[in-house]
Amino acid sequence: MSSDLSGVPYTDLVAEMIRRLGDDPEREGMLKTPERVEKAMRFLTHGYETTAEAVVGDALFEEHHNNMVLVKDIEMYSLCEHHLLPFFGKVHVAYIPNGRIMGLSKTARLVEVYCRRFQVQERLTEQVAQALWDVVEPQGVGVIVEAHHLCMMMRGVEKQNSVTITSAMRGVFLDDPATREEFLHLAMGSHRPLSR
């Protein structure tokens, strides 16, 4: 293969990777693997194709609610940019409106924009916080991400029970200790699940 791979089909690159790792991409079980890998990777990185502004759209509404809005336990799946292995967990996102609220489902969509890219958890946390800060223009924003990293679990140190927690704050969440404490208590405290 030439060093310029821009014109090489993705499936050929996957087949070559399989060969270099010691298997045969032509054997029965692997015949469609390059196509499946391409489809999976395009899905897992589709966050590059959109923006925070696009997913929020017109779902901003005038509302004089001046207390915290918290969407907790948003499932998150991403790919570590260092090893292209998954990391996954939960995201807790809160903001205090400043005359406008955002449709609740848009919070999860904001998380998707940034987790469906090659990432590090620290940047992901900051990007979600900054996007909400820029798009909604609230009084404050708080984001916490809790995740397990397969690059630590499957390889390297092989620590199965470690959890990485990152946070990002803006506005009153930084300036007011009581607001920050309320957010941390609501996001990280134990609670009874909703009855079904």
N, C-alpha and C. Protein backbone atom coordinates (compact mmCIF):
# COMPACT_ATOMS: atom_id res chain seq x y z
N MET A 1 0.84 -1.19 0.00
CA MET A 1 0.00 0.00 0.00
C MET A 1 0.88 1.25 0.00
N SER A 2 0.44 2.26 -0.72
CA SER A 2 1.19 3.51 -0.76
C SER A 2 1.00 4.26 0.55
N SER A 3 1.88 5.24 0.81
CA SER A 3 1.76 6.02 2.03
C SER A 3 0.56 6.96 1.99
N ASP A 4 0.09 7.32 0.77
CA ASP A 4 -1.11 8.15 0.65
C ASP A 4 -2.33 7.24 0.61
N LEU A 5 -3.07 7.22 1.71
CA LEU A 5 -4.19 6.29 1.83
C LEU A 5 -5.53 6.97 1.58
N SER A 6 -5.53 8.23 1.12
CA SER A 6 -6.78 8.96 0.98
C SER A 6 -7.74 8.31 0.00
N GLY A 7 -7.23 7.63 -1.03
CA GLY A 7 -8.11 7.00 -2.01
C GLY A 7 -8.39 5.53 -1.74
N VAL A 8 -7.86 5.01 -0.64
CA VAL A 8 -8.02 3.59 -0.33
C VAL A 8 -9.36 3.38 0.38
N PRO A 9 -10.20 2.46 -0.09
CA PRO A 9 -11.47 2.20 0.61
C PRO A 9 -11.25 1.78 2.06
N TYR A 10 -12.12 2.25 2.93
CA TYR A 10 -12.03 1.95 4.36
C TYR A 10 -11.99 0.44 4.58
N THR A 11 -12.80 -0.29 3.82
CA THR A 11 -12.86 -1.74 4.01
C THR A 11 -11.52 -2.40 3.70
N ASP A 12 -10.76 -1.86 2.74
CA ASP A 12 -9.43 -2.40 2.44
C ASP A 12 -8.47 -2.16 3.61
N LEU A 13 -8.60 -1.00 4.25
CA LEU A 13 -7.75 -0.70 5.40
C LEU A 13 -8.04 -1.67 6.55
N VAL A 14 -9.32 -1.97 6.77
CA VAL A 14 -9.69 -2.91 7.84
C VAL A 14 -9.17 -4.31 7.50
N ALA A 15 -9.31 -4.72 6.25
CA ALA A 15 -8.80 -6.04 5.84
C ALA A 15 -7.29 -6.12 6.06
N GLU A 16 -6.58 -5.05 5.74
CA GLU A 16 -5.13 -5.04 5.95
C GLU A 16 -4.79 -5.10 7.43
N MET A 17 -5.55 -4.42 8.26
CA MET A 17 -5.33 -4.48 9.70
C MET A 17 -5.50 -5.92 10.20
N ILE A 18 -6.55 -6.60 9.72
CA ILE A 18 -6.79 -7.99 10.12
C ILE A 18 -5.59 -8.85 9.74
N ARG A 19 -5.09 -8.67 8.51
CA ARG A 19 -3.92 -9.43 8.05
C ARG A 19 -2.71 -9.17 8.96
N ARG A 20 -2.45 -7.90 9.24
CA ARG A 20 -1.27 -7.54 10.02
C ARG A 20 -1.35 -8.05 11.46
N LEU A 21 -2.57 -8.25 11.94
CA LEU A 21 -2.74 -8.76 13.30
C LEU A 21 -2.76 -10.29 13.34
N GLY A 22 -2.61 -10.93 12.17
CA GLY A 22 -2.41 -12.37 12.15
C GLY A 22 -3.59 -13.22 11.74
N ASP A 23 -4.64 -12.62 11.20
CA ASP A 23 -5.79 -13.42 10.77
C ASP A 23 -6.01 -13.22 9.28
N ASP A 24 -6.99 -13.95 8.75
CA ASP A 24 -7.26 -13.94 7.32
C ASP A 24 -8.61 -13.28 7.04
N PRO A 25 -8.62 -12.09 6.43
CA PRO A 25 -9.90 -11.43 6.16
C PRO A 25 -10.74 -12.15 5.10
N GLU A 26 -10.16 -13.16 4.45
CA GLU A 26 -10.89 -13.91 3.43
C GLU A 26 -11.59 -15.15 3.98
N ARG A 27 -11.33 -15.48 5.24
CA ARG A 27 -12.00 -16.67 5.78
C ARG A 27 -13.47 -16.37 6.05
N GLU A 28 -14.27 -17.43 6.14
CA GLU A 28 -15.73 -17.28 6.18
C GLU A 28 -16.20 -16.31 7.27
N GLY A 29 -15.71 -16.48 8.47
CA GLY A 29 -16.19 -15.65 9.58
C GLY A 29 -15.80 -14.19 9.47
N MET A 30 -14.80 -13.90 8.64
CA MET A 30 -14.28 -12.53 8.54
C MET A 30 -14.69 -11.84 7.24
N LEU A 31 -15.35 -12.54 6.34
CA LEU A 31 -15.61 -11.97 5.01
C LEU A 31 -16.31 -10.62 5.06
N LYS A 32 -17.29 -10.46 5.92
CA LYS A 32 -18.03 -9.20 5.97
C LYS A 32 -17.58 -8.28 7.10
N THR A 33 -16.52 -8.69 7.82
CA THR A 33 -16.04 -7.87 8.94
C THR A 33 -15.62 -6.47 8.51
N PRO A 34 -14.87 -6.28 7.42
CA PRO A 34 -14.50 -4.91 7.04
C PRO A 34 -15.71 -4.00 6.83
N GLU A 35 -16.78 -4.51 6.21
CA GLU A 35 -17.98 -3.69 6.02
C GLU A 35 -18.66 -3.38 7.35
N ARG A 36 -18.70 -4.39 8.24
CA ARG A 36 -19.33 -4.17 9.55
C ARG A 36 -18.54 -3.17 10.38
N VAL A 37 -17.20 -3.26 10.32
CA VAL A 37 -16.36 -2.33 11.08
C VAL A 37 -16.55 -0.91 10.56
N GLU A 38 -16.58 -0.74 9.25
CA GLU A 38 -16.79 0.60 8.70
C GLU A 38 -18.12 1.18 9.17
N LYS A 39 -19.18 0.38 9.08
CA LYS A 39 -20.50 0.85 9.49
C LYS A 39 -20.50 1.21 10.99
N ALA A 40 -19.90 0.35 11.81
CA ALA A 40 -19.86 0.60 13.26
C ALA A 40 -19.07 1.86 13.57
N MET A 41 -17.90 2.03 12.94
CA MET A 41 -17.07 3.20 13.24
C MET A 41 -17.72 4.49 12.78
N ARG A 42 -18.44 4.45 11.67
CA ARG A 42 -19.13 5.67 11.22
C ARG A 42 -20.24 6.04 12.22
N PHE A 43 -20.93 5.03 12.76
CA PHE A 43 -21.95 5.32 13.77
C PHE A 43 -21.32 5.85 15.05
N LEU A 44 -20.23 5.22 15.49
CA LEU A 44 -19.61 5.59 16.76
C LEU A 44 -18.94 6.96 16.72
N THR A 45 -18.72 7.50 15.53
CA THR A 45 -18.08 8.82 15.41
C THR A 45 -18.98 9.83 14.69
N HIS A 46 -20.29 9.61 14.68
CA HIS A 46 -21.17 10.51 13.93
C HIS A 46 -21.32 11.89 14.58
N GLY A 47 -20.74 12.09 15.76
CA GLY A 47 -20.76 13.40 16.38
C GLY A 47 -20.01 14.46 15.59
N TYR A 48 -19.07 14.04 14.74
CA TYR A 48 -18.34 15.00 13.91
C TYR A 48 -19.25 15.66 12.87
N GLU A 49 -20.39 15.05 12.60
CA GLU A 49 -21.27 15.53 11.53
C GLU A 49 -22.29 16.56 11.99
N THR A 50 -22.28 16.93 13.28
CA THR A 50 -23.28 17.87 13.77
C THR A 50 -22.67 18.83 14.78
N THR A 51 -23.47 19.76 15.25
CA THR A 51 -23.03 20.75 16.23
C THR A 51 -24.07 20.86 17.34
N ALA A 52 -23.66 21.49 18.43
CA ALA A 52 -24.59 21.71 19.53
C ALA A 52 -25.76 22.57 19.08
N GLU A 53 -25.48 23.61 18.31
CA GLU A 53 -26.53 24.50 17.83
C GLU A 53 -27.55 23.74 16.98
N ALA A 54 -27.06 22.83 16.15
CA ALA A 54 -27.96 22.08 15.27
C ALA A 54 -28.87 21.14 16.06
N VAL A 55 -28.35 20.47 17.08
CA VAL A 55 -29.20 19.52 17.81
C VAL A 55 -30.19 20.23 18.74
N VAL A 56 -29.83 21.40 19.24
CA VAL A 56 -30.77 22.14 20.08
C VAL A 56 -31.84 22.80 19.20
N GLY A 57 -31.43 23.31 18.04
CA GLY A 57 -32.38 23.90 17.11
C GLY A 57 -33.22 25.00 17.75
N ASP A 58 -34.53 24.89 17.58
CA ASP A 58 -35.43 25.91 18.14
C ASP A 58 -36.05 25.46 19.46
N ALA A 59 -35.45 24.48 20.12
CA ALA A 59 -36.01 23.96 21.37
C ALA A 59 -35.55 24.77 22.58
N LEU A 60 -35.55 26.10 22.43
CA LEU A 60 -35.29 27.02 23.53
C LEU A 60 -36.57 27.81 23.77
N PHE A 61 -37.01 27.87 25.02
CA PHE A 61 -38.31 28.45 25.33
C PHE A 61 -38.18 29.50 26.43
N GLU A 62 -38.86 30.60 26.25
CA GLU A 62 -38.87 31.62 27.29
C GLU A 62 -39.60 31.08 28.51
N GLU A 63 -38.92 31.12 29.64
CA GLU A 63 -39.51 30.62 30.88
C GLU A 63 -38.71 31.22 32.04
N HIS A 64 -39.40 31.83 32.98
CA HIS A 64 -38.70 32.46 34.09
C HIS A 64 -38.61 31.49 35.27
N HIS A 65 -37.91 30.41 35.02
CA HIS A 65 -37.60 29.43 36.06
C HIS A 65 -36.16 29.70 36.48
N ASN A 66 -35.96 30.03 37.75
CA ASN A 66 -34.63 30.45 38.21
C ASN A 66 -33.95 29.43 39.11
N ASN A 67 -34.42 28.21 39.07
CA ASN A 67 -33.83 27.16 39.89
C ASN A 67 -33.18 26.11 39.00
N MET A 68 -32.43 25.24 39.62
CA MET A 68 -31.63 24.27 38.89
C MET A 68 -32.48 23.28 38.10
N VAL A 69 -32.04 23.01 36.89
CA VAL A 69 -32.59 21.94 36.05
C VAL A 69 -31.48 20.91 35.89
N LEU A 70 -31.72 19.68 36.34
CA LEU A 70 -30.70 18.63 36.30
C LEU A 70 -31.24 17.44 35.53
N VAL A 71 -30.50 17.03 34.52
CA VAL A 71 -30.78 15.77 33.82
C VAL A 71 -29.65 14.82 34.22
N LYS A 72 -30.02 13.77 34.91
CA LYS A 72 -29.06 12.89 35.57
C LYS A 72 -29.00 11.53 34.88
N ASP A 73 -27.87 10.88 34.98
CA ASP A 73 -27.69 9.49 34.52
C ASP A 73 -27.91 9.34 33.01
N ILE A 74 -27.43 10.28 32.23
CA ILE A 74 -27.48 10.15 30.77
C ILE A 74 -26.42 9.12 30.37
N GLU A 75 -26.84 8.05 29.71
CA GLU A 75 -25.89 7.03 29.28
C GLU A 75 -24.94 7.60 28.24
N MET A 76 -23.66 7.24 28.35
CA MET A 76 -22.65 7.77 27.46
C MET A 76 -21.71 6.65 27.01
N TYR A 77 -21.45 6.61 25.70
CA TYR A 77 -20.50 5.67 25.12
C TYR A 77 -19.59 6.46 24.19
N SER A 78 -18.28 6.31 24.36
CA SER A 78 -17.35 7.03 23.51
C SER A 78 -16.14 6.16 23.22
N LEU A 79 -15.22 6.68 22.40
CA LEU A 79 -13.99 5.97 22.05
C LEU A 79 -12.79 6.79 22.49
N CYS A 80 -11.94 6.20 23.29
CA CYS A 80 -10.72 6.85 23.74
C CYS A 80 -9.81 7.11 22.54
N GLU A 81 -9.36 8.35 22.40
CA GLU A 81 -8.54 8.68 21.23
C GLU A 81 -7.14 8.09 21.31
N HIS A 82 -6.72 7.60 22.46
CA HIS A 82 -5.37 7.05 22.59
C HIS A 82 -5.26 5.61 22.10
N HIS A 83 -6.32 4.82 22.30
CA HIS A 83 -6.26 3.40 21.90
C HIS A 83 -7.46 2.99 21.04
N LEU A 84 -8.39 3.91 20.80
CA LEU A 84 -9.64 3.62 20.08
C LEU A 84 -10.43 2.51 20.75
N LEU A 85 -10.34 2.45 22.08
CA LEU A 85 -11.14 1.52 22.86
C LEU A 85 -12.27 2.28 23.53
N PRO A 86 -13.39 1.62 23.80
CA PRO A 86 -14.53 2.32 24.40
C PRO A 86 -14.29 2.78 25.83
N PHE A 87 -14.90 3.89 26.17
CA PHE A 87 -15.15 4.23 27.56
C PHE A 87 -16.63 4.60 27.65
N PHE A 88 -17.22 4.30 28.81
CA PHE A 88 -18.67 4.41 28.91
C PHE A 88 -19.06 4.72 30.34
N GLY A 89 -20.22 5.33 30.50
CA GLY A 89 -20.67 5.64 31.85
C GLY A 89 -21.90 6.52 31.84
N LYS A 90 -21.91 7.50 32.75
CA LYS A 90 -23.08 8.37 32.93
C LYS A 90 -22.62 9.82 32.96
N VAL A 91 -23.51 10.67 32.45
CA VAL A 91 -23.27 12.11 32.47
C VAL A 91 -24.43 12.77 33.22
N HIS A 92 -24.08 13.70 34.09
CA HIS A 92 -25.07 14.49 34.83
C HIS A 92 -24.90 15.94 34.40
N VAL A 93 -25.96 16.55 33.89
CA VAL A 93 -25.88 17.90 33.34
C VAL A 93 -26.92 18.78 34.03
N ALA A 94 -26.48 19.92 34.56
CA ALA A 94 -27.39 20.85 35.22
C ALA A 94 -27.13 22.27 34.74
N TYR A 95 -28.17 23.07 34.77
CA TYR A 95 -28.00 24.50 34.50
C TYR A 95 -29.07 25.28 35.26
N ILE A 96 -28.81 26.55 35.46
CA ILE A 96 -29.80 27.45 36.05
C ILE A 96 -30.19 28.44 34.96
N PRO A 97 -31.45 28.41 34.52
CA PRO A 97 -31.88 29.24 33.40
C PRO A 97 -31.72 30.73 33.67
N ASN A 98 -31.66 31.47 32.60
CA ASN A 98 -31.59 32.94 32.67
C ASN A 98 -32.64 33.49 31.69
N GLY A 99 -33.90 33.06 31.90
CA GLY A 99 -34.99 33.52 31.04
C GLY A 99 -35.36 32.55 29.94
N ARG A 100 -34.51 31.49 29.74
CA ARG A 100 -34.82 30.48 28.71
C ARG A 100 -34.51 29.10 29.25
N ILE A 101 -35.35 28.13 28.87
CA ILE A 101 -35.08 26.72 29.18
C ILE A 101 -34.93 25.97 27.87
N MET A 102 -34.27 24.83 27.95
CA MET A 102 -34.03 23.99 26.78
C MET A 102 -34.88 22.72 26.90
N GLY A 103 -35.42 22.24 25.79
CA GLY A 103 -36.14 20.97 25.80
C GLY A 103 -35.29 19.89 26.45
N LEU A 104 -35.87 19.11 27.35
CA LEU A 104 -35.10 18.17 28.16
C LEU A 104 -34.32 17.15 27.33
N SER A 105 -34.91 16.64 26.25
CA SER A 105 -34.21 15.64 25.45
C SER A 105 -32.97 16.21 24.78
N LYS A 106 -32.92 17.53 24.63
CA LYS A 106 -31.77 18.16 23.98
C LYS A 106 -30.52 18.04 24.83
N THR A 107 -30.69 17.87 26.13
CA THR A 107 -29.53 17.68 27.00
C THR A 107 -28.79 16.40 26.62
N ALA A 108 -29.55 15.31 26.45
CA ALA A 108 -28.93 14.05 26.04
C ALA A 108 -28.35 14.16 24.63
N ARG A 109 -29.01 14.91 23.76
CA ARG A 109 -28.49 15.08 22.40
C ARG A 109 -27.18 15.86 22.39
N LEU A 110 -27.05 16.84 23.29
CA LEU A 110 -25.79 17.56 23.41
C LEU A 110 -24.65 16.62 23.81
N VAL A 111 -24.94 15.74 24.76
CA VAL A 111 -23.93 14.76 25.18
C VAL A 111 -23.52 13.89 23.99
N GLU A 112 -24.50 13.46 23.18
CA GLU A 112 -24.21 12.62 22.02
C GLU A 112 -23.30 13.30 21.00
N VAL A 113 -23.49 14.61 20.80
CA VAL A 113 -22.65 15.33 19.84
C VAL A 113 -21.17 15.12 20.17
N TYR A 114 -20.84 15.18 21.45
CA TYR A 114 -19.43 15.14 21.84
C TYR A 114 -18.91 13.76 22.22
N CYS A 115 -19.78 12.86 22.68
CA CYS A 115 -19.27 11.52 23.02
C CYS A 115 -19.11 10.66 21.78
N ARG A 116 -19.81 10.99 20.68
CA ARG A 116 -19.67 10.20 19.46
C ARG A 116 -18.54 10.77 18.58
N ARG A 117 -17.39 10.93 19.21
CA ARG A 117 -16.16 11.36 18.56
C ARG A 117 -15.01 10.64 19.25
N PHE A 118 -13.83 10.69 18.68
CA PHE A 118 -12.66 10.22 19.42
C PHE A 118 -12.42 11.23 20.53
N GLN A 119 -12.27 10.75 21.77
CA GLN A 119 -12.32 11.65 22.91
C GLN A 119 -11.33 11.28 24.00
N VAL A 120 -11.14 12.24 24.89
CA VAL A 120 -10.67 11.99 26.24
C VAL A 120 -11.78 12.51 27.16
N GLN A 121 -11.94 11.89 28.30
CA GLN A 121 -13.06 12.23 29.17
C GLN A 121 -13.00 13.68 29.63
N GLU A 122 -11.79 14.17 29.88
CA GLU A 122 -11.65 15.55 30.36
C GLU A 122 -12.19 16.55 29.33
N ARG A 123 -11.85 16.35 28.06
CA ARG A 123 -12.32 17.26 27.02
C ARG A 123 -13.82 17.12 26.81
N LEU A 124 -14.32 15.89 26.82
CA LEU A 124 -15.75 15.65 26.68
C LEU A 124 -16.54 16.44 27.72
N THR A 125 -16.10 16.39 28.97
CA THR A 125 -16.78 17.09 30.06
C THR A 125 -16.82 18.59 29.79
N GLU A 126 -15.67 19.15 29.41
CA GLU A 126 -15.59 20.58 29.13
C GLU A 126 -16.43 20.97 27.92
N GLN A 127 -16.44 20.14 26.88
CA GLN A 127 -17.20 20.47 25.67
C GLN A 127 -18.70 20.51 25.93
N VAL A 128 -19.21 19.56 26.70
CA VAL A 128 -20.64 19.55 27.01
C VAL A 128 -20.99 20.80 27.82
N ALA A 129 -20.16 21.13 28.81
CA ALA A 129 -20.43 22.32 29.64
C ALA A 129 -20.38 23.59 28.80
N GLN A 130 -19.38 23.72 27.94
CA GLN A 130 -19.24 24.93 27.14
C GLN A 130 -20.36 25.07 26.13
N ALA A 131 -20.78 23.95 25.53
CA ALA A 131 -21.87 24.00 24.55
C ALA A 131 -23.16 24.48 25.20
N LEU A 132 -23.48 23.95 26.37
CA LEU A 132 -24.69 24.39 27.07
C LEU A 132 -24.58 25.87 27.46
N TRP A 133 -23.42 26.27 27.93
CA TRP A 133 -23.16 27.67 28.31
C TRP A 133 -23.36 28.60 27.11
N ASP A 134 -22.83 28.20 25.95
CA ASP A 134 -22.91 29.05 24.76
C ASP A 134 -24.30 29.10 24.14
N VAL A 135 -24.96 27.94 24.07
CA VAL A 135 -26.24 27.85 23.35
C VAL A 135 -27.41 28.38 24.17
N VAL A 136 -27.45 28.04 25.45
CA VAL A 136 -28.59 28.40 26.30
C VAL A 136 -28.37 29.75 27.01
N GLU A 137 -27.11 30.10 27.23
CA GLU A 137 -26.76 31.33 27.96
C GLU A 137 -27.43 31.39 29.33
N PRO A 138 -27.23 30.35 30.14
CA PRO A 138 -27.85 30.31 31.46
C PRO A 138 -27.02 31.08 32.49
N GLN A 139 -27.51 31.07 33.73
CA GLN A 139 -26.75 31.69 34.82
C GLN A 139 -25.55 30.82 35.21
N GLY A 140 -25.67 29.53 35.00
CA GLY A 140 -24.58 28.63 35.35
C GLY A 140 -24.81 27.25 34.78
N VAL A 141 -23.72 26.49 34.69
CA VAL A 141 -23.74 25.13 34.15
C VAL A 141 -22.84 24.25 35.01
N GLY A 142 -23.30 23.02 35.25
CA GLY A 142 -22.47 22.01 35.91
C GLY A 142 -22.59 20.69 35.17
N VAL A 143 -21.45 20.05 34.93
CA VAL A 143 -21.43 18.75 34.24
C VAL A 143 -20.50 17.82 35.00
N ILE A 144 -20.96 16.60 35.23
CA ILE A 144 -20.12 15.54 35.82
C ILE A 144 -20.21 14.33 34.90
N VAL A 145 -19.06 13.73 34.62
CA VAL A 145 -19.00 12.49 33.84
C VAL A 145 -18.33 11.42 34.71
N GLU A 146 -18.99 10.27 34.82
CA GLU A 146 -18.44 9.10 35.51
C GLU A 146 -18.27 8.01 34.47
N ALA A 147 -17.06 7.44 34.33
CA ALA A 147 -16.87 6.47 33.26
C ALA A 147 -15.88 5.36 33.62
N HIS A 148 -16.11 4.21 32.99
CA HIS A 148 -15.17 3.09 32.97
C HIS A 148 -14.45 3.14 31.63
N HIS A 149 -13.15 2.89 31.65
CA HIS A 149 -12.32 2.95 30.44
C HIS A 149 -11.75 1.57 30.13
N LEU A 150 -12.12 1.03 28.97
CA LEU A 150 -11.61 -0.30 28.61
C LEU A 150 -10.11 -0.29 28.36
N CYS A 151 -9.53 0.88 28.07
CA CYS A 151 -8.07 0.92 27.92
C CYS A 151 -7.37 0.67 29.25
N MET A 152 -8.07 0.86 30.36
CA MET A 152 -7.53 0.52 31.68
C MET A 152 -7.97 -0.87 32.13
N MET A 153 -9.08 -1.35 31.58
CA MET A 153 -9.65 -2.62 32.04
C MET A 153 -9.16 -3.82 31.24
N MET A 154 -9.02 -3.66 29.92
CA MET A 154 -8.66 -4.78 29.04
C MET A 154 -7.17 -4.91 28.79
N ARG A 155 -6.43 -3.82 29.00
CA ARG A 155 -5.00 -3.80 28.68
C ARG A 155 -4.30 -2.98 29.76
N GLY A 156 -3.01 -2.79 29.59
CA GLY A 156 -2.27 -1.93 30.52
C GLY A 156 -2.38 -2.41 31.95
N VAL A 157 -2.89 -1.55 32.84
CA VAL A 157 -2.93 -1.91 34.27
C VAL A 157 -4.02 -2.92 34.60
N GLU A 158 -4.99 -3.11 33.73
CA GLU A 158 -6.06 -4.10 33.91
C GLU A 158 -6.76 -3.95 35.27
N LYS A 159 -7.20 -2.76 35.57
CA LYS A 159 -7.94 -2.49 36.81
C LYS A 159 -9.43 -2.43 36.49
N GLN A 160 -10.18 -3.43 36.96
CA GLN A 160 -11.57 -3.61 36.55
C GLN A 160 -12.55 -2.69 37.27
N ASN A 161 -12.20 -2.21 38.43
CA ASN A 161 -13.19 -1.49 39.24
C ASN A 161 -12.94 0.01 39.34
N SER A 162 -11.99 0.50 38.57
CA SER A 162 -11.71 1.94 38.66
C SER A 162 -12.77 2.73 37.90
N VAL A 163 -13.11 3.87 38.45
CA VAL A 163 -14.06 4.79 37.82
C VAL A 163 -13.37 6.15 37.75
N THR A 164 -13.46 6.80 36.59
CA THR A 164 -12.91 8.14 36.43
C THR A 164 -14.06 9.14 36.50
N ILE A 165 -13.91 10.17 37.33
CA ILE A 165 -14.94 11.19 37.48
C ILE A 165 -14.32 12.54 37.12
N THR A 166 -14.97 13.25 36.21
CA THR A 166 -14.53 14.59 35.83
C THR A 166 -15.71 15.54 35.96
N SER A 167 -15.38 16.82 36.18
CA SER A 167 -16.45 17.82 36.29
C SER A 167 -16.02 19.10 35.59
N ALA A 168 -17.02 19.88 35.19
CA ALA A 168 -16.80 21.19 34.60
C ALA A 168 -17.92 22.11 35.08
N MET A 169 -17.57 23.30 35.48
CA MET A 169 -18.54 24.26 36.00
C MET A 169 -18.39 25.59 35.26
N ARG A 170 -19.51 26.31 35.16
CA ARG A 170 -19.53 27.65 34.60
C ARG A 170 -20.46 28.52 35.43
N GLY A 171 -20.22 29.83 35.44
CA GLY A 171 -21.12 30.79 36.07
C GLY A 171 -21.32 30.54 37.55
N VAL A 172 -22.59 30.54 37.99
CA VAL A 172 -22.88 30.45 39.42
C VAL A 172 -22.43 29.12 40.03
N PHE A 173 -22.26 28.11 39.21
CA PHE A 173 -21.76 26.84 39.74
C PHE A 173 -20.31 26.98 40.21
N LEU A 174 -19.58 27.91 39.61
CA LEU A 174 -18.22 28.21 40.04
C LEU A 174 -18.22 29.22 41.18
N ASP A 175 -19.08 30.24 41.06
CA ASP A 175 -19.02 31.39 41.96
C ASP A 175 -19.74 31.19 43.29
N ASP A 176 -20.75 30.34 43.31
CA ASP A 176 -21.59 30.19 44.50
C ASP A 176 -21.41 28.79 45.09
N PRO A 177 -20.72 28.67 46.24
CA PRO A 177 -20.50 27.35 46.84
C PRO A 177 -21.79 26.58 47.14
N ALA A 178 -22.86 27.28 47.51
CA ALA A 178 -24.12 26.60 47.83
C ALA A 178 -24.73 25.96 46.59
N THR A 179 -24.66 26.66 45.46
CA THR A 179 -25.18 26.10 44.20
C THR A 179 -24.36 24.88 43.79
N ARG A 180 -23.05 25.01 43.89
CA ARG A 180 -22.17 23.87 43.54
C ARG A 180 -22.45 22.68 44.44
N GLU A 181 -22.61 22.93 45.74
CA GLU A 181 -22.88 21.85 46.68
C GLU A 181 -24.21 21.17 46.39
N GLU A 182 -25.23 21.96 46.06
CA GLU A 182 -26.54 21.38 45.73
C GLU A 182 -26.42 20.48 44.50
N PHE A 183 -25.70 20.95 43.48
CA PHE A 183 -25.51 20.16 42.27
C PHE A 183 -24.78 18.85 42.58
N LEU A 184 -23.69 18.93 43.31
CA LEU A 184 -22.91 17.72 43.63
C LEU A 184 -23.75 16.75 44.45
N HIS A 185 -24.54 17.26 45.39
CA HIS A 185 -25.40 16.41 46.21
C HIS A 185 -26.46 15.71 45.35
N LEU A 186 -27.13 16.46 44.48
CA LEU A 186 -28.18 15.88 43.64
C LEU A 186 -27.61 14.91 42.60
N ALA A 187 -26.47 15.26 42.04
CA ALA A 187 -25.90 14.43 40.97
C ALA A 187 -25.25 13.16 41.51
N MET A 188 -24.54 13.27 42.63
CA MET A 188 -23.73 12.15 43.10
C MET A 188 -24.33 11.41 44.29
N GLY A 189 -25.34 12.01 44.92
CA GLY A 189 -25.95 11.36 46.07
C GLY A 189 -26.79 10.16 45.66
N SER A 190 -26.95 9.23 46.59
CA SER A 190 -27.80 8.07 46.29
C SER A 190 -29.26 8.51 46.33
N HIS A 191 -30.06 7.79 45.59
CA HIS A 191 -31.50 8.09 45.57
C HIS A 191 -32.26 6.82 45.24
N ARG A 192 -33.53 6.81 45.60
CA ARG A 192 -34.36 5.66 45.26
C ARG A 192 -34.78 5.78 43.81
N PRO A 193 -34.74 4.69 43.06
CA PRO A 193 -35.20 4.78 41.66
C PRO A 193 -36.70 5.06 41.58
N LEU A 194 -37.11 5.62 40.45
CA LEU A 194 -38.53 5.85 40.22
C LEU A 194 -39.26 4.52 40.18
N SER A 195 -40.48 4.47 40.77
CA SER A 195 -41.26 3.23 40.66
C SER A 195 -41.78 3.08 39.24
N ARG A 196 -41.90 1.81 38.84
CA ARG A 196 -42.39 1.55 37.47
C ARG A 196 -43.79 1.02 37.52
